[in-house]
Full PDB file with SEQRES, HELIX, SHEET, SSBOND, CRYST1, ORIGX, SCALE, CONECT and MASTER records, all heavy atoms in Angstrom:
SEQRES   1 A   32  ASP GLU LEU ASP ILE SER SER PHE PRO THR GLU LEU ARG          
SEQRES   2 A   32  GLN ARG VAL ARG ALA SER ASP ILE VAL GLU TYR LYS TYR          
SEQRES   3 A   32  ALA THR VAL LYS TYR LYS                                      
HELIX    1 AA1 ILE A    5  SER A    7  5                                   3    
HELIX    2 AA2 THR A   10  ALA A   18  1                                   9    
CRYST1    1.000    1.000    1.000  90.00  90.00  90.00 P 1           1          
ORIGX1      1.000000  0.000000  0.000000        0.00000                         
ORIGX2      0.000000  1.000000  0.000000        0.00000                         
ORIGX3      0.000000  0.000000  1.000000        0.00000                         
SCALE1      1.000000  0.000000  0.000000        0.00000                         
SCALE2      0.000000  1.000000  0.000000        0.00000                         
SCALE3      0.000000  0.000000  1.000000        0.00000                         
ATOM      1  N   ASP A   1      99.072 110.382 119.388  1.00  0.00           N  
ATOM      2  CA  ASP A   1      98.597 109.023 118.719  1.00  0.00           C  
ATOM      3  C   ASP A   1      99.833 108.215 118.349  1.00  0.00           C  
ATOM      4  O   ASP A   1      99.601 107.337 117.352  1.00  0.00           O  
ATOM      5  CB  ASP A   1      97.712 109.267 117.529  1.00  0.00           C  
ATOM      6  CG  ASP A   1      96.272 109.769 117.903  1.00  0.00           C  
ATOM      7  OD1 ASP A   1      96.030 109.505 119.053  1.00  0.00           O  
ATOM      8  OD2 ASP A   1      95.583 110.310 117.114  1.00  0.00           O  
ATOM      9  N   GLU A   2     100.975 108.416 118.899  1.00  0.00           N  
ATOM     10  CA  GLU A   2     102.136 107.701 118.515  1.00  0.00           C  
ATOM     11  C   GLU A   2     102.438 107.734 117.055  1.00  0.00           C  
ATOM     12  O   GLU A   2     102.743 106.793 116.502  1.00  0.00           O  
ATOM     13  CB  GLU A   2     102.023 106.375 119.076  1.00  0.00           C  
ATOM     14  CG  GLU A   2     101.962 106.236 120.614  1.00  0.00           C  
ATOM     15  CD  GLU A   2     102.090 104.843 121.066  1.00  0.00           C  
ATOM     16  OE1 GLU A   2     102.326 103.866 120.210  1.00  0.00           O  
ATOM     17  OE2 GLU A   2     101.812 104.560 122.270  1.00  0.00           O  
ATOM     18  N   LEU A   3     102.446 108.927 116.534  1.00  0.00           N  
ATOM     19  CA  LEU A   3     102.778 109.104 115.020  1.00  0.00           C  
ATOM     20  C   LEU A   3     104.229 108.647 114.875  1.00  0.00           C  
ATOM     21  O   LEU A   3     105.110 109.084 115.716  1.00  0.00           O  
ATOM     22  CB  LEU A   3     102.553 110.569 114.589  1.00  0.00           C  
ATOM     23  CG  LEU A   3     101.137 110.981 114.393  1.00  0.00           C  
ATOM     24  CD1 LEU A   3     101.031 112.476 114.232  1.00  0.00           C  
ATOM     25  CD2 LEU A   3     100.589 110.300 113.186  1.00  0.00           C  
ATOM     26  N   ASP A   4     104.464 108.062 113.572  1.00  0.00           N  
ATOM     27  CA  ASP A   4     105.831 107.783 113.374  1.00  0.00           C  
ATOM     28  C   ASP A   4     106.351 108.972 112.465  1.00  0.00           C  
ATOM     29  O   ASP A   4     105.831 109.031 111.260  1.00  0.00           O  
ATOM     30  CB  ASP A   4     105.913 106.449 112.551  1.00  0.00           C  
ATOM     31  CG  ASP A   4     107.303 106.061 112.269  1.00  0.00           C  
ATOM     32  OD1 ASP A   4     108.246 106.872 112.470  1.00  0.00           O  
ATOM     33  OD2 ASP A   4     107.513 105.048 111.693  1.00  0.00           O  
ATOM     34  N   ILE A   5     107.150 109.834 112.991  1.00  0.00           N  
ATOM     35  CA  ILE A   5     107.469 111.044 112.443  1.00  0.00           C  
ATOM     36  C   ILE A   5     108.239 110.801 111.042  1.00  0.00           C  
ATOM     37  O   ILE A   5     108.213 111.583 110.074  1.00  0.00           O  
ATOM     38  CB  ILE A   5     108.457 111.882 113.299  1.00  0.00           C  
ATOM     39  CG1 ILE A   5     107.719 112.096 114.610  1.00  0.00           C  
ATOM     40  CG2 ILE A   5     108.682 113.334 112.684  1.00  0.00           C  
ATOM     41  CD1 ILE A   5     106.286 112.753 114.482  1.00  0.00           C  
ATOM     42  N   SER A   6     108.995 109.620 111.047  1.00  0.00           N  
ATOM     43  CA  SER A   6     109.772 109.492 109.869  1.00  0.00           C  
ATOM     44  C   SER A   6     108.976 109.220 108.601  1.00  0.00           C  
ATOM     45  O   SER A   6     109.279 109.293 107.379  1.00  0.00           O  
ATOM     46  CB  SER A   6     110.646 108.159 110.061  1.00  0.00           C  
ATOM     47  OG  SER A   6     109.870 107.144 110.250  1.00  0.00           O  
ATOM     48  N   SER A   7     107.658 108.912 108.705  1.00  0.00           N  
ATOM     49  CA  SER A   7     106.702 108.742 107.586  1.00  0.00           C  
ATOM     50  C   SER A   7     106.165 109.960 107.086  1.00  0.00           C  
ATOM     51  O   SER A   7     105.415 110.016 106.019  1.00  0.00           O  
ATOM     52  CB  SER A   7     105.524 107.733 108.006  1.00  0.00           C  
ATOM     53  OG  SER A   7     104.773 108.398 109.006  1.00  0.00           O  
ATOM     54  N   PHE A   8     106.348 111.155 107.676  1.00  0.00           N  
ATOM     55  CA  PHE A   8     105.905 112.430 107.082  1.00  0.00           C  
ATOM     56  C   PHE A   8     106.626 112.737 105.850  1.00  0.00           C  
ATOM     57  O   PHE A   8     107.836 112.475 105.788  1.00  0.00           O  
ATOM     58  CB  PHE A   8     106.096 113.546 108.105  1.00  0.00           C  
ATOM     59  CG  PHE A   8     104.998 113.642 109.116  1.00  0.00           C  
ATOM     60  CD1 PHE A   8     104.341 112.562 109.785  1.00  0.00           C  
ATOM     61  CD2 PHE A   8     104.301 114.951 109.194  1.00  0.00           C  
ATOM     62  CE1 PHE A   8     103.359 112.737 110.625  1.00  0.00           C  
ATOM     63  CE2 PHE A   8     103.170 115.150 109.952  1.00  0.00           C  
ATOM     64  CZ  PHE A   8     102.613 113.989 110.685  1.00  0.00           C  
ATOM     65  N   PRO A   9     105.883 113.244 104.804  1.00  0.00           N  
ATOM     66  CA  PRO A   9     106.577 113.654 103.587  1.00  0.00           C  
ATOM     67  C   PRO A   9     107.711 114.680 103.810  1.00  0.00           C  
ATOM     68  O   PRO A   9     107.449 115.866 104.355  1.00  0.00           O  
ATOM     69  CB  PRO A   9     105.468 114.152 102.646  1.00  0.00           C  
ATOM     70  CG  PRO A   9     104.269 113.533 103.427  1.00  0.00           C  
ATOM     71  CD  PRO A   9     104.498 113.508 104.736  1.00  0.00           C  
ATOM     72  N   THR A  10     108.847 114.485 103.397  1.00  0.00           N  
ATOM     73  CA  THR A  10     109.999 115.483 103.573  1.00  0.00           C  
ATOM     74  C   THR A  10     109.613 116.768 102.658  1.00  0.00           C  
ATOM     75  O   THR A  10     110.020 117.810 103.155  1.00  0.00           O  
ATOM     76  CB  THR A  10     111.313 114.858 102.915  1.00  0.00           C  
ATOM     77  OG1 THR A  10     111.500 113.635 103.725  1.00  0.00           O  
ATOM     78  CG2 THR A  10     112.395 115.726 103.234  1.00  0.00           C  
ATOM     79  N   GLU A  11     109.042 116.640 101.595  1.00  0.00           N  
ATOM     80  CA  GLU A  11     108.688 117.708 100.620  1.00  0.00           C  
ATOM     81  C   GLU A  11     107.780 118.708 101.315  1.00  0.00           C  
ATOM     82  O   GLU A  11     107.899 119.902 101.217  1.00  0.00           O  
ATOM     83  CB  GLU A  11     108.186 117.141  99.303  1.00  0.00           C  
ATOM     84  CG  GLU A  11     107.811 118.257  98.380  1.00  0.00           C  
ATOM     85  CD  GLU A  11     106.284 118.616  98.405  1.00  0.00           C  
ATOM     86  OE1 GLU A  11     105.504 117.807  98.973  1.00  0.00           O  
ATOM     87  OE2 GLU A  11     105.972 119.737  98.065  1.00  0.00           O  
ATOM     88  N   LEU A  12     106.805 118.233 102.147  1.00  0.00           N  
ATOM     89  CA  LEU A  12     105.841 118.995 102.834  1.00  0.00           C  
ATOM     90  C   LEU A  12     106.500 119.767 103.947  1.00  0.00           C  
ATOM     91  O   LEU A  12     106.292 120.885 104.182  1.00  0.00           O  
ATOM     92  CB  LEU A  12     104.718 118.140 103.289  1.00  0.00           C  
ATOM     93  CG  LEU A  12     103.656 118.834 104.268  1.00  0.00           C  
ATOM     94  CD1 LEU A  12     102.950 120.005 103.394  1.00  0.00           C  
ATOM     95  CD2 LEU A  12     102.650 117.890 104.848  1.00  0.00           C  
ATOM     96  N   ARG A  13     107.425 119.100 104.710  1.00  0.00           N  
ATOM     97  CA  ARG A  13     108.160 119.712 105.901  1.00  0.00           C  
ATOM     98  C   ARG A  13     109.019 120.862 105.308  1.00  0.00           C  
ATOM     99  O   ARG A  13     109.014 121.991 105.927  1.00  0.00           O  
ATOM    100  CB  ARG A  13     108.911 118.771 106.541  1.00  0.00           C  
ATOM    101  CG  ARG A  13     108.024 117.591 107.183  1.00  0.00           C  
ATOM    102  CD  ARG A  13     108.880 116.703 108.138  1.00  0.00           C  
ATOM    103  NE  ARG A  13     109.350 117.416 109.255  1.00  0.00           N  
ATOM    104  CZ  ARG A  13     110.041 116.909 110.340  1.00  0.00           C  
ATOM    105  NH1 ARG A  13     110.237 115.579 110.250  1.00  0.00           N  
ATOM    106  NH2 ARG A  13     110.340 117.612 111.402  1.00  0.00           N  
ATOM    107  N   GLN A  14     109.709 120.674 104.153  1.00  0.00           N  
ATOM    108  CA  GLN A  14     110.485 121.815 103.599  1.00  0.00           C  
ATOM    109  C   GLN A  14     109.610 122.940 103.249  1.00  0.00           C  
ATOM    110  O   GLN A  14     110.079 124.163 103.490  1.00  0.00           O  
ATOM    111  CB  GLN A  14     111.211 121.237 102.423  1.00  0.00           C  
ATOM    112  CG  GLN A  14     112.243 120.212 102.764  1.00  0.00           C  
ATOM    113  CD  GLN A  14     112.957 119.638 101.692  1.00  0.00           C  
ATOM    114  OE1 GLN A  14     112.511 119.898 100.401  1.00  0.00           O  
ATOM    115  NE2 GLN A  14     114.082 118.901 101.773  1.00  0.00           N  
ATOM    116  N   ARG A  15     108.471 122.701 102.635  1.00  0.00           N  
ATOM    117  CA  ARG A  15     107.515 123.792 102.265  1.00  0.00           C  
ATOM    118  C   ARG A  15     106.914 124.560 103.508  1.00  0.00           C  
ATOM    119  O   ARG A  15     106.884 125.853 103.436  1.00  0.00           O  
ATOM    120  CB  ARG A  15     106.343 123.273 101.478  1.00  0.00           C  
ATOM    121  CG  ARG A  15     106.649 123.006  99.970  1.00  0.00           C  
ATOM    122  CD  ARG A  15     105.635 122.772  99.132  1.00  0.00           C  
ATOM    123  NE  ARG A  15     104.893 121.482  99.428  1.00  0.00           N  
ATOM    124  CZ  ARG A  15     103.546 121.341  99.727  1.00  0.00           C  
ATOM    125  NH1 ARG A  15     102.962 122.435  99.790  1.00  0.00           N  
ATOM    126  NH2 ARG A  15     103.035 120.162  99.877  1.00  0.00           N  
ATOM    127  N   VAL A  16     106.732 123.773 104.572  1.00  0.00           N  
ATOM    128  CA  VAL A  16     106.240 124.471 105.742  1.00  0.00           C  
ATOM    129  C   VAL A  16     107.311 125.380 106.447  1.00  0.00           C  
ATOM    130  O   VAL A  16     106.937 126.457 106.839  1.00  0.00           O  
ATOM    131  CB  VAL A  16     105.806 123.288 106.786  1.00  0.00           C  
ATOM    132  CG1 VAL A  16     105.405 124.037 108.125  1.00  0.00           C  
ATOM    133  CG2 VAL A  16     104.478 122.788 106.246  1.00  0.00           C  
ATOM    134  N   ARG A  17     108.552 124.954 106.548  1.00  0.00           N  
ATOM    135  CA  ARG A  17     109.560 125.814 107.040  1.00  0.00           C  
ATOM    136  C   ARG A  17     109.884 126.936 106.169  1.00  0.00           C  
ATOM    137  O   ARG A  17     110.225 127.988 106.789  1.00  0.00           O  
ATOM    138  CB  ARG A  17     110.903 124.854 107.096  1.00  0.00           C  
ATOM    139  CG  ARG A  17     110.685 123.666 108.131  1.00  0.00           C  
ATOM    140  CD  ARG A  17     112.027 122.862 108.073  1.00  0.00           C  
ATOM    141  NE  ARG A  17     111.924 121.713 108.891  1.00  0.00           N  
ATOM    142  CZ  ARG A  17     112.900 120.714 109.063  1.00  0.00           C  
ATOM    143  NH1 ARG A  17     113.906 120.804 108.307  1.00  0.00           N  
ATOM    144  NH2 ARG A  17     112.813 119.751 109.848  1.00  0.00           N  
ATOM    145  N   ALA A  18     109.553 126.946 104.970  1.00  0.00           N  
ATOM    146  CA  ALA A  18     109.994 128.030 104.136  1.00  0.00           C  
ATOM    147  C   ALA A  18     108.766 128.969 103.906  1.00  0.00           C  
ATOM    148  O   ALA A  18     109.031 129.963 103.234  1.00  0.00           O  
ATOM    149  CB  ALA A  18     110.579 127.524 102.741  1.00  0.00           C  
ATOM    150  N   SER A  19     107.568 128.651 104.301  1.00  0.00           N  
ATOM    151  CA  SER A  19     106.366 129.432 104.040  1.00  0.00           C  
ATOM    152  C   SER A  19     105.682 129.913 105.287  1.00  0.00           C  
ATOM    153  O   SER A  19     105.852 129.403 106.361  1.00  0.00           O  
ATOM    154  CB  SER A  19     105.354 128.468 103.265  1.00  0.00           C  
ATOM    155  OG  SER A  19     104.206 129.230 102.883  1.00  0.00           O  
ATOM    156  N   ASP A  20     104.935 130.980 105.035  1.00  0.00           N  
ATOM    157  CA  ASP A  20     104.131 131.618 106.086  1.00  0.00           C  
ATOM    158  C   ASP A  20     102.665 131.253 106.016  1.00  0.00           C  
ATOM    159  O   ASP A  20     101.791 131.872 106.704  1.00  0.00           O  
ATOM    160  CB  ASP A  20     104.324 133.097 106.174  1.00  0.00           C  
ATOM    161  CG  ASP A  20     105.662 133.500 106.716  1.00  0.00           C  
ATOM    162  OD1 ASP A  20     106.263 132.698 107.510  1.00  0.00           O  
ATOM    163  OD2 ASP A  20     106.151 134.465 106.241  1.00  0.00           O  
ATOM    164  N   ILE A  21     102.331 130.437 105.021  1.00  0.00           N  
ATOM    165  CA  ILE A  21     100.920 130.076 104.853  1.00  0.00           C  
ATOM    166  C   ILE A  21     100.710 128.539 105.112  1.00  0.00           C  
ATOM    167  O   ILE A  21     101.598 127.839 105.366  1.00  0.00           O  
ATOM    168  CB  ILE A  21     100.532 130.287 103.338  1.00  0.00           C  
ATOM    169  CG1 ILE A  21     101.272 129.466 102.437  1.00  0.00           C  
ATOM    170  CG2 ILE A  21     100.556 131.913 103.040  1.00  0.00           C  
ATOM    171  CD1 ILE A  21     100.806 129.541 100.943  1.00  0.00           C  
ATOM    172  N   VAL A  22      99.488 128.110 105.124  1.00  0.00           N  
ATOM    173  CA  VAL A  22      99.083 126.789 105.473  1.00  0.00           C  
ATOM    174  C   VAL A  22      99.445 125.846 104.292  1.00  0.00           C  
ATOM    175  O   VAL A  22      99.054 126.111 103.131  1.00  0.00           O  
ATOM    176  CB  VAL A  22      97.539 126.548 105.839  1.00  0.00           C  
ATOM    177  CG1 VAL A  22      97.352 125.094 106.023  1.00  0.00           C  
ATOM    178  CG2 VAL A  22      97.351 127.404 107.114  1.00  0.00           C  
ATOM    179  N   GLU A  23     100.281 124.849 104.492  1.00  0.00           N  
ATOM    180  CA  GLU A  23     100.502 123.850 103.399  1.00  0.00           C  
ATOM    181  C   GLU A  23      99.872 122.562 103.663  1.00  0.00           C  
ATOM    182  O   GLU A  23      99.748 122.237 104.863  1.00  0.00           O  
ATOM    183  CB  GLU A  23     101.980 123.629 103.190  1.00  0.00           C  
ATOM    184  CG  GLU A  23     102.852 124.886 102.971  1.00  0.00           C  
ATOM    185  CD  GLU A  23     102.670 125.449 101.482  1.00  0.00           C  
ATOM    186  OE1 GLU A  23     102.065 124.587 100.701  1.00  0.00           O  
ATOM    187  OE2 GLU A  23     103.049 126.675 101.253  1.00  0.00           O  
ATOM    188  N   TYR A  24      99.528 121.818 102.555  1.00  0.00           N  
ATOM    189  CA  TYR A  24      98.833 120.556 102.860  1.00  0.00           C  
ATOM    190  C   TYR A  24      99.322 119.481 101.830  1.00  0.00           C  
ATOM    191  O   TYR A  24      99.752 119.786 100.888  1.00  0.00           O  
ATOM    192  CB  TYR A  24      97.201 120.621 102.862  1.00  0.00           C  
ATOM    193  CG  TYR A  24      96.700 120.963 101.531  1.00  0.00           C  
ATOM    194  CD1 TYR A  24      96.202 119.901 100.672  1.00  0.00           C  
ATOM    195  CD2 TYR A  24      96.582 122.241 101.068  1.00  0.00           C  
ATOM    196  CE1 TYR A  24      95.817 120.200  99.372  1.00  0.00           C  
ATOM    197  CE2 TYR A  24      96.175 122.545  99.838  1.00  0.00           C  
ATOM    198  CZ  TYR A  24      95.732 121.489  99.002  1.00  0.00           C  
ATOM    199  OH  TYR A  24      95.204 121.765  97.829  1.00  0.00           O  
ATOM    200  N   LYS A  25      99.027 118.223 102.193  1.00  0.00           N  
ATOM    201  CA  LYS A  25      99.354 117.097 101.368  1.00  0.00           C  
ATOM    202  C   LYS A  25      98.568 115.851 101.756  1.00  0.00           C  
ATOM    203  O   LYS A  25      98.467 115.600 103.018  1.00  0.00           O  
ATOM    204  CB  LYS A  25     100.863 116.793 101.385  1.00  0.00           C  
ATOM    205  CG  LYS A  25     101.267 115.777 100.297  1.00  0.00           C  
ATOM    206  CD  LYS A  25     102.748 115.660 100.256  1.00  0.00           C  
ATOM    207  CE  LYS A  25     103.185 114.740  99.269  1.00  0.00           C  
ATOM    208  NZ  LYS A  25     102.888 115.061  97.847  1.00  0.00           N  
ATOM    209  N   TYR A  26      98.037 115.128 100.849  1.00  0.00           N  
ATOM    210  CA  TYR A  26      97.571 113.681 101.082  1.00  0.00           C  
ATOM    211  C   TYR A  26      98.680 112.765 101.134  1.00  0.00           C  
ATOM    212  O   TYR A  26      99.592 112.723 100.339  1.00  0.00           O  
ATOM    213  CB  TYR A  26      96.588 113.208 100.059  1.00  0.00           C  
ATOM    214  CG  TYR A  26      95.294 113.962 100.049  1.00  0.00           C  
ATOM    215  CD1 TYR A  26      94.997 115.042  99.193  1.00  0.00           C  
ATOM    216  CD2 TYR A  26      94.340 113.644 100.987  1.00  0.00           C  
ATOM    217  CE1 TYR A  26      93.767 115.607  99.060  1.00  0.00           C  
ATOM    218  CE2 TYR A  26      93.043 114.276 100.992  1.00  0.00           C  
ATOM    219  CZ  TYR A  26      92.881 115.340 100.102  1.00  0.00           C  
ATOM    220  OH  TYR A  26      91.662 115.935 100.173  1.00  0.00           O  
ATOM    221  N   ALA A  27      98.766 111.895 102.223  1.00  0.00           N  
ATOM    222  CA  ALA A  27      99.935 111.001 102.384  1.00  0.00           C  
ATOM    223  C   ALA A  27      99.395 109.828 103.216  1.00  0.00           C  
ATOM    224  O   ALA A  27      98.346 109.780 103.802  1.00  0.00           O  
ATOM    225  CB  ALA A  27     101.006 111.716 103.108  1.00  0.00           C  
ATOM    226  N   THR A  28     100.157 108.707 103.292  1.00  0.00           N  
ATOM    227  CA  THR A  28     100.047 107.670 104.167  1.00  0.00           C  
ATOM    228  C   THR A  28     101.103 107.639 105.229  1.00  0.00           C  
ATOM    229  O   THR A  28     102.420 107.635 104.935  1.00  0.00           O  
ATOM    230  CB  THR A  28     100.243 106.298 103.261  1.00  0.00           C  
ATOM    231  OG1 THR A  28      99.342 106.314 102.212  1.00  0.00           O  
ATOM    232  CG2 THR A  28     100.039 105.110 104.176  1.00  0.00           C  
ATOM    233  N   VAL A  29     100.661 107.725 106.440  1.00  0.00           N  
ATOM    234  CA  VAL A  29     101.503 107.747 107.654  1.00  0.00           C  
ATOM    235  C   VAL A  29     101.340 106.522 108.403  1.00  0.00           C  
ATOM    236  O   VAL A  29     100.485 105.800 108.430  1.00  0.00           O  
ATOM    237  CB  VAL A  29     101.220 109.036 108.484  1.00  0.00           C  
ATOM    238  CG1 VAL A  29     101.353 110.330 107.744  1.00  0.00           C  
ATOM    239  CG2 VAL A  29      99.707 108.921 109.018  1.00  0.00           C  
ATOM    240  N   LYS A  30     102.475 106.315 109.190  1.00  0.00           N  
ATOM    241  CA  LYS A  30     102.525 105.185 110.156  1.00  0.00           C  
ATOM    242  C   LYS A  30     102.357 105.507 111.559  1.00  0.00           C  
ATOM    243  O   LYS A  30     102.596 106.558 111.942  1.00  0.00           O  
ATOM    244  CB  LYS A  30     103.954 104.415 109.931  1.00  0.00           C  
ATOM    245  CG  LYS A  30     104.220 103.985 108.433  1.00  0.00           C  
ATOM    246  CD  LYS A  30     105.626 103.409 108.356  1.00  0.00           C  
ATOM    247  CE  LYS A  30     105.956 102.932 106.997  1.00  0.00           C  
ATOM    248  NZ  LYS A  30     107.264 102.303 106.857  1.00  0.00           N  
ATOM    249  N   TYR A  31     101.688 104.509 112.257  1.00  0.00           N  
ATOM    250  CA  TYR A  31     101.478 104.625 113.719  1.00  0.00           C  
ATOM    251  C   TYR A  31     102.202 103.563 114.350  1.00  0.00           C  
ATOM    252  O   TYR A  31     102.302 102.459 113.842  1.00  0.00           O  
ATOM    253  CB  TYR A  31      99.893 104.647 113.975  1.00  0.00           C  
ATOM    254  CG  TYR A  31      99.206 105.892 113.458  1.00  0.00           C  
ATOM    255  CD1 TYR A  31      98.647 105.807 112.177  1.00  0.00           C  
ATOM    256  CD2 TYR A  31      99.062 106.992 114.174  1.00  0.00           C  
ATOM    257  CE1 TYR A  31      97.992 106.905 111.631  1.00  0.00           C  
ATOM    258  CE2 TYR A  31      98.308 107.995 113.729  1.00  0.00           C  
ATOM    259  CZ  TYR A  31      97.851 108.049 112.553  1.00  0.00           C  
ATOM    260  OH  TYR A  31      97.074 109.114 112.020  1.00  0.00           O  
ATOM    261  N   LYS A  32     102.563 103.789 115.637  1.00  0.00           N  
ATOM    262  CA  LYS A  32     103.271 102.763 116.340  1.00  0.00           C  
ATOM    263  C   LYS A  32     102.369 101.795 117.070  1.00  0.00           C  
ATOM    264  O   LYS A  32     102.657 100.691 117.422  1.00  0.00           O  
ATOM    265  CB  LYS A  32     104.179 103.443 117.382  1.00  0.00           C  
ATOM    266  CG  LYS A  32     105.246 104.327 116.837  1.00  0.00           C  
ATOM    267  CD  LYS A  32     106.054 104.948 117.853  1.00  0.00           C  
ATOM    268  CE  LYS A  32     107.101 105.856 117.378  1.00  0.00           C  
ATOM    269  NZ  LYS A  32     107.902 106.575 118.319  1.00  0.00           N  
TER     270      LYS A  32                                                      
MASTER        0    0    0    2    0    0    0    6  269    1    0    3          
END                                                                             
């Protein structure tokens, strides 16, 4: 869907990389 990766929350990406469980967050993302 041509997601703009830069709009993803940095804090969520850090938690996903450091965890073995499902992490989630409500956010506003951009599309091209």
